[in-house]
Amino acid sequence: MLVGGALTIAAIAVLAPRLRAGGERALLGQASDPHGPLAGLTAAALNRATGAVNRAALAAAAPRRGAHLLDVGFGGGGLIERALDDWPGVHVAGADPSHEMVARIAARRAADMADGRLRLARAGVDALPWPAASFDCVTAVFTMYFWPDPQAGLRHVARLLAPGGRLVVAVAPVAVQTRIGYGRAGFHVLPGPRVAELAELAGLSDVVLARGPHGVALVTARAGPAGHPSP
């Protein structure tokens, strides 16, 4: 079964033959940072591929009314839009390195931007522009492969969690990551147990590794009562 980035890459490969000539890295570069004329196609493919996992991630995050939720690497914006539509009273923020993805969601959710319920930033995980303890929930679905340094990235994310805040990370099965070619293209292949280990190294507690839709590894963790995970 095609999962997450796999569907994105399959769609791009079929509809954009010129990218095929650039090899796996070109295809994965589009998935990690959608840009140019294929950005809209990539967004649509990402949203089709991640719908069930986005629902599972939000259910695991379980934001309460009034909570502040951040989605890191939101891509097509499927999780952001689902949170806005299905979780009344939750304040949503999103960060993504792609100018096109930020502009797309800003246009689609202009009313939410105007009333302050949605905040967006063009930023990678190592440059998230919010102060410590800003969020009750942080999600990262099918994006951790592309972080420059996954361990440092989780430390950055953990810093943003308020006391007792919950982290939810989803990664595809290793067989899917390998088939897509993350390792060959210079990105990270991350088994679920490794993500759980990195969450613990980031100072988070109550780390749980569960099986999500389509065999996805769903890792949840919490910030301590002080809200400042140890280095």
Protein backbone atom coordinates (compact mmCIF):
# COMPACT_ATOMS: atom_id res chain seq x y z
CA MET A 1 0.00 0.00 0.00
CA LEU A 2 1.22 3.47 -0.83
CA VAL A 3 1.67 5.55 2.30
CA GLY A 4 2.33 9.25 2.76
CA GLY A 5 5.17 10.43 0.58
CA ALA A 6 4.93 7.31 -1.54
CA LEU A 7 1.65 8.43 -3.05
CA THR A 8 2.99 11.93 -3.55
CA ILE A 9 6.01 10.64 -5.42
CA ALA A 10 3.92 8.25 -7.51
CA ALA A 11 1.60 11.06 -8.57
CA ILE A 12 4.46 13.39 -9.42
CA ALA A 13 6.27 10.67 -11.36
CA VAL A 14 3.22 9.98 -13.51
CA LEU A 15 2.27 13.58 -14.17
CA ALA A 16 5.73 15.17 -14.38
CA PRO A 17 8.08 13.01 -16.47
CA ARG A 18 10.74 15.70 -16.50
CA LEU A 19 11.25 15.16 -12.77
CA ARG A 20 11.83 11.44 -13.29
CA ALA A 21 15.00 12.28 -15.17
CA GLY A 22 16.25 14.08 -12.06
CA GLY A 23 16.05 10.89 -10.04
CA GLU A 24 14.77 10.08 -6.59
CA ARG A 25 16.27 13.14 -4.95
CA ALA A 26 14.38 15.45 -7.30
CA LEU A 27 11.13 13.66 -6.52
CA LEU A 28 11.75 13.63 -2.79
CA GLY A 29 12.87 17.24 -2.92
CA GLN A 30 9.43 18.10 -4.22
CA ALA A 31 7.82 16.12 -1.41
CA SER A 32 10.02 17.66 1.29
CA ASP A 33 9.68 21.25 0.00
CA PRO A 34 6.87 21.59 -2.58
CA HIS A 35 7.70 24.32 -5.04
CA GLY A 36 7.14 25.61 -8.53
CA PRO A 37 4.36 24.52 -10.90
CA LEU A 38 4.05 21.12 -9.21
CA ALA A 39 3.37 22.51 -5.73
CA GLY A 40 -0.41 22.29 -6.09
CA LEU A 41 -0.23 18.71 -7.32
CA THR A 42 2.06 17.80 -4.45
CA ALA A 43 -0.31 19.38 -1.91
CA ALA A 44 -3.28 17.46 -3.28
CA ALA A 45 -1.35 14.17 -3.30
CA LEU A 46 -0.13 14.73 0.26
CA ASN A 47 -3.65 15.40 1.50
CA ARG A 48 -5.06 12.31 -0.21
CA ALA A 49 -2.29 10.15 1.21
CA THR A 50 -2.35 11.41 4.78
CA GLY A 51 -6.05 11.75 5.56
CA ALA A 52 -6.40 8.71 7.80
CA VAL A 53 -3.09 9.34 9.54
CA ASN A 54 -3.98 13.00 10.14
CA ARG A 55 -7.19 11.89 11.81
CA ALA A 56 -5.28 9.42 13.98
CA ALA A 57 -2.67 12.04 14.91
CA LEU A 58 -5.34 14.53 15.95
CA ALA A 59 -7.15 11.89 17.96
CA ALA A 60 -3.88 11.07 19.74
CA ALA A 61 -3.18 14.75 20.38
CA ALA A 62 -6.75 15.21 21.69
CA PRO A 63 -6.60 19.00 21.96
CA ARG A 64 -9.11 20.51 24.36
CA ARG A 65 -11.17 23.61 23.58
CA GLY A 66 -8.87 26.60 23.90
CA ALA A 67 -5.74 24.52 23.29
CA HIS A 68 -2.95 25.69 20.98
CA LEU A 69 -1.79 23.11 18.41
CA LEU A 70 1.22 23.31 16.10
CA ASP A 71 1.69 21.15 12.99
CA VAL A 72 5.34 20.99 11.92
CA GLY A 73 5.84 20.48 8.19
CA PHE A 74 2.16 20.77 7.29
CA GLY A 75 2.63 20.24 3.55
CA GLY A 76 -0.78 20.22 1.89
CA GLY A 77 -2.37 21.45 5.10
CA GLY A 78 -4.73 18.52 5.57
CA LEU A 79 -4.15 18.22 9.31
CA ILE A 80 -4.45 21.98 9.82
CA GLU A 81 -7.76 22.14 7.99
CA ARG A 82 -9.14 19.10 9.78
CA ALA A 83 -8.18 20.61 13.14
CA LEU A 84 -9.88 23.88 12.24
CA ASP A 85 -13.02 22.15 10.98
CA ASP A 86 -13.43 19.30 13.47
CA TRP A 87 -11.98 20.64 16.72
CA PRO A 88 -13.96 23.77 17.69
CA GLY A 89 -12.17 26.29 19.83
CA VAL A 90 -8.68 24.94 19.13
CA HIS A 91 -6.12 27.51 18.01
CA VAL A 92 -3.92 26.17 15.21
CA ALA A 93 -0.45 27.07 13.99
CA GLY A 94 1.58 25.58 11.17
CA ALA A 95 5.19 25.74 10.02
CA ASP A 96 6.49 24.63 6.64
CA PRO A 97 9.60 25.56 4.63
CA SER A 98 7.61 25.86 1.39
CA HIS A 99 6.49 29.35 0.43
CA GLU A 100 3.86 27.82 -1.86
CA MET A 101 2.35 25.67 0.90
CA VAL A 102 2.17 28.58 3.34
CA ALA A 103 0.55 30.83 0.72
CA ARG A 104 -1.90 28.10 -0.27
CA ILE A 105 -3.24 27.53 3.24
CA ALA A 106 -3.24 31.25 4.02
CA ALA A 107 -5.51 31.79 1.02
CA ARG A 108 -7.75 28.80 1.73
CA ARG A 109 -8.19 29.73 5.39
CA ALA A 110 -8.13 33.52 5.13
CA ALA A 111 -11.03 33.88 7.57
CA ASP A 112 -9.24 31.82 10.22
CA MET A 113 -6.09 33.88 9.66
CA ALA A 114 -8.05 37.11 10.01
CA ASP A 115 -9.69 36.16 13.30
CA GLY A 116 -6.41 34.91 14.76
CA ARG A 117 -7.39 31.26 15.02
CA LEU A 118 -4.70 30.23 12.51
CA ARG A 119 -1.05 31.31 12.49
CA LEU A 120 1.42 30.26 9.81
CA ALA A 121 5.18 30.49 9.48
CA ARG A 122 7.52 29.67 6.63
CA ALA A 123 10.12 27.82 8.68
CA GLY A 124 11.84 24.51 9.11
CA VAL A 125 11.97 22.62 12.37
CA ASP A 126 15.27 24.26 13.32
CA ALA A 127 13.85 27.80 13.00
CA LEU A 128 10.38 27.64 14.55
CA PRO A 129 9.54 31.24 15.49
CA TRP A 130 7.52 30.72 18.66
CA PRO A 131 8.71 31.07 22.28
CA ALA A 132 9.08 28.15 24.66
CA ALA A 133 5.94 26.53 26.07
CA SER A 134 3.69 28.04 23.36
CA PHE A 135 1.71 24.90 22.48
CA ASP A 136 -0.38 22.26 24.18
CA CYS A 137 0.02 19.86 21.24
CA VAL A 138 2.58 19.47 18.46
CA THR A 139 2.12 17.12 15.52
CA ALA A 140 4.55 16.04 12.79
CA VAL A 141 3.11 13.66 10.18
CA PHE A 142 5.41 12.18 7.50
CA THR A 143 7.90 15.02 7.82
CA MET A 144 10.64 13.94 10.22
CA TYR A 145 12.55 12.17 7.42
CA PHE A 146 13.39 15.58 5.95
CA TRP A 147 14.62 17.29 9.12
CA PRO A 148 18.35 18.13 8.90
CA ASP A 149 18.94 16.55 12.33
CA PRO A 150 15.99 14.56 13.76
CA GLN A 151 17.41 14.53 17.30
CA ALA A 152 17.98 18.30 17.35
CA GLY A 153 14.60 18.79 15.67
CA LEU A 154 12.78 16.96 18.42
CA ARG A 155 14.59 19.07 21.00
CA HIS A 156 13.35 22.22 19.24
CA VAL A 157 9.82 20.83 19.18
CA ALA A 158 9.94 19.70 22.81
CA ARG A 159 10.93 23.22 23.87
CA LEU A 160 7.67 24.54 22.42
CA LEU A 161 5.46 22.24 24.50
CA ALA A 162 3.70 23.71 27.52
CA PRO A 163 3.80 21.71 30.78
CA GLY A 164 2.06 18.40 30.14
CA GLY A 165 1.84 19.17 26.41
CA ARG A 166 1.60 16.27 23.99
CA LEU A 167 3.77 15.43 20.99
CA VAL A 168 2.51 13.18 18.17
CA VAL A 169 4.87 12.01 15.40
CA ALA A 170 3.89 9.70 12.53
CA VAL A 171 6.37 7.90 10.26
CA ALA A 172 5.70 5.37 7.51
CA PRO A 173 6.81 1.74 7.89
CA VAL A 174 10.53 1.30 7.26
CA ALA A 175 9.81 -0.89 4.23
CA VAL A 176 7.90 1.99 2.65
CA GLN A 177 10.60 4.53 3.53
CA THR A 178 13.21 2.26 1.98
CA ARG A 179 11.16 1.60 -1.15
CA ILE A 180 10.62 5.33 -1.66
CA GLY A 181 14.37 5.85 -1.43
CA TYR A 182 14.78 8.24 1.49
CA GLY A 183 18.18 6.86 2.40
CA ARG A 184 19.45 6.81 -1.18
CA ALA A 185 18.37 10.43 -1.63
CA GLY A 186 20.19 11.57 1.51
CA PHE A 187 17.18 11.81 3.82
CA HIS A 188 16.56 9.86 7.04
CA VAL A 189 15.07 6.38 7.37
CA LEU A 190 13.42 6.40 10.79
CA PRO A 191 11.92 3.28 12.38
CA GLY A 192 9.21 3.92 14.94
CA PRO A 193 11.39 2.69 17.84
CA ARG A 194 14.10 5.18 16.87
CA VAL A 195 11.58 8.04 16.90
CA ALA A 196 10.43 6.92 20.36
CA GLU A 197 14.05 6.83 21.52
CA LEU A 198 14.67 10.34 20.19
CA ALA A 199 11.59 11.60 22.02
CA GLU A 200 13.01 10.26 25.27
CA LEU A 201 16.42 11.81 24.51
CA ALA A 202 14.62 15.14 24.01
CA GLY A 203 13.47 14.92 27.61
CA LEU A 204 9.89 13.90 26.95
CA SER A 205 8.07 11.33 29.08
CA ASP A 206 5.19 8.85 28.76
CA VAL A 207 6.54 7.85 25.35
CA VAL A 208 4.27 5.36 23.57
CA LEU A 209 4.81 3.68 20.21
CA ALA A 210 1.58 2.49 18.59
CA ARG A 211 0.52 1.17 15.21
CA GLY A 212 -1.54 3.64 13.23
CA PRO A 213 -3.44 3.38 9.93
CA HIS A 214 -1.68 1.44 7.15
CA GLY A 215 1.00 0.22 9.56
CA VAL A 216 2.25 3.72 10.30
CA ALA A 217 4.27 4.15 13.50
CA LEU A 218 2.53 6.66 15.76
CA VAL A 219 4.71 7.96 18.60
CA THR A 220 3.18 10.02 21.41
CA ALA A 221 4.97 11.69 24.31
CA ARG A 222 4.46 14.40 26.92
CA ALA A 223 6.43 17.33 28.27
CA GLY A 224 7.16 17.23 31.96
CA PRO A 225 5.28 19.34 34.53
CA ALA A 226 7.95 22.05 34.29
CA GLY A 227 7.41 22.30 30.54
CA HIS A 228 11.15 22.46 29.87
CA PRO A 229 12.56 19.06 28.83
CA SER A 230 16.08 18.39 29.96
CA PRO A 231 18.86 18.70 27.35
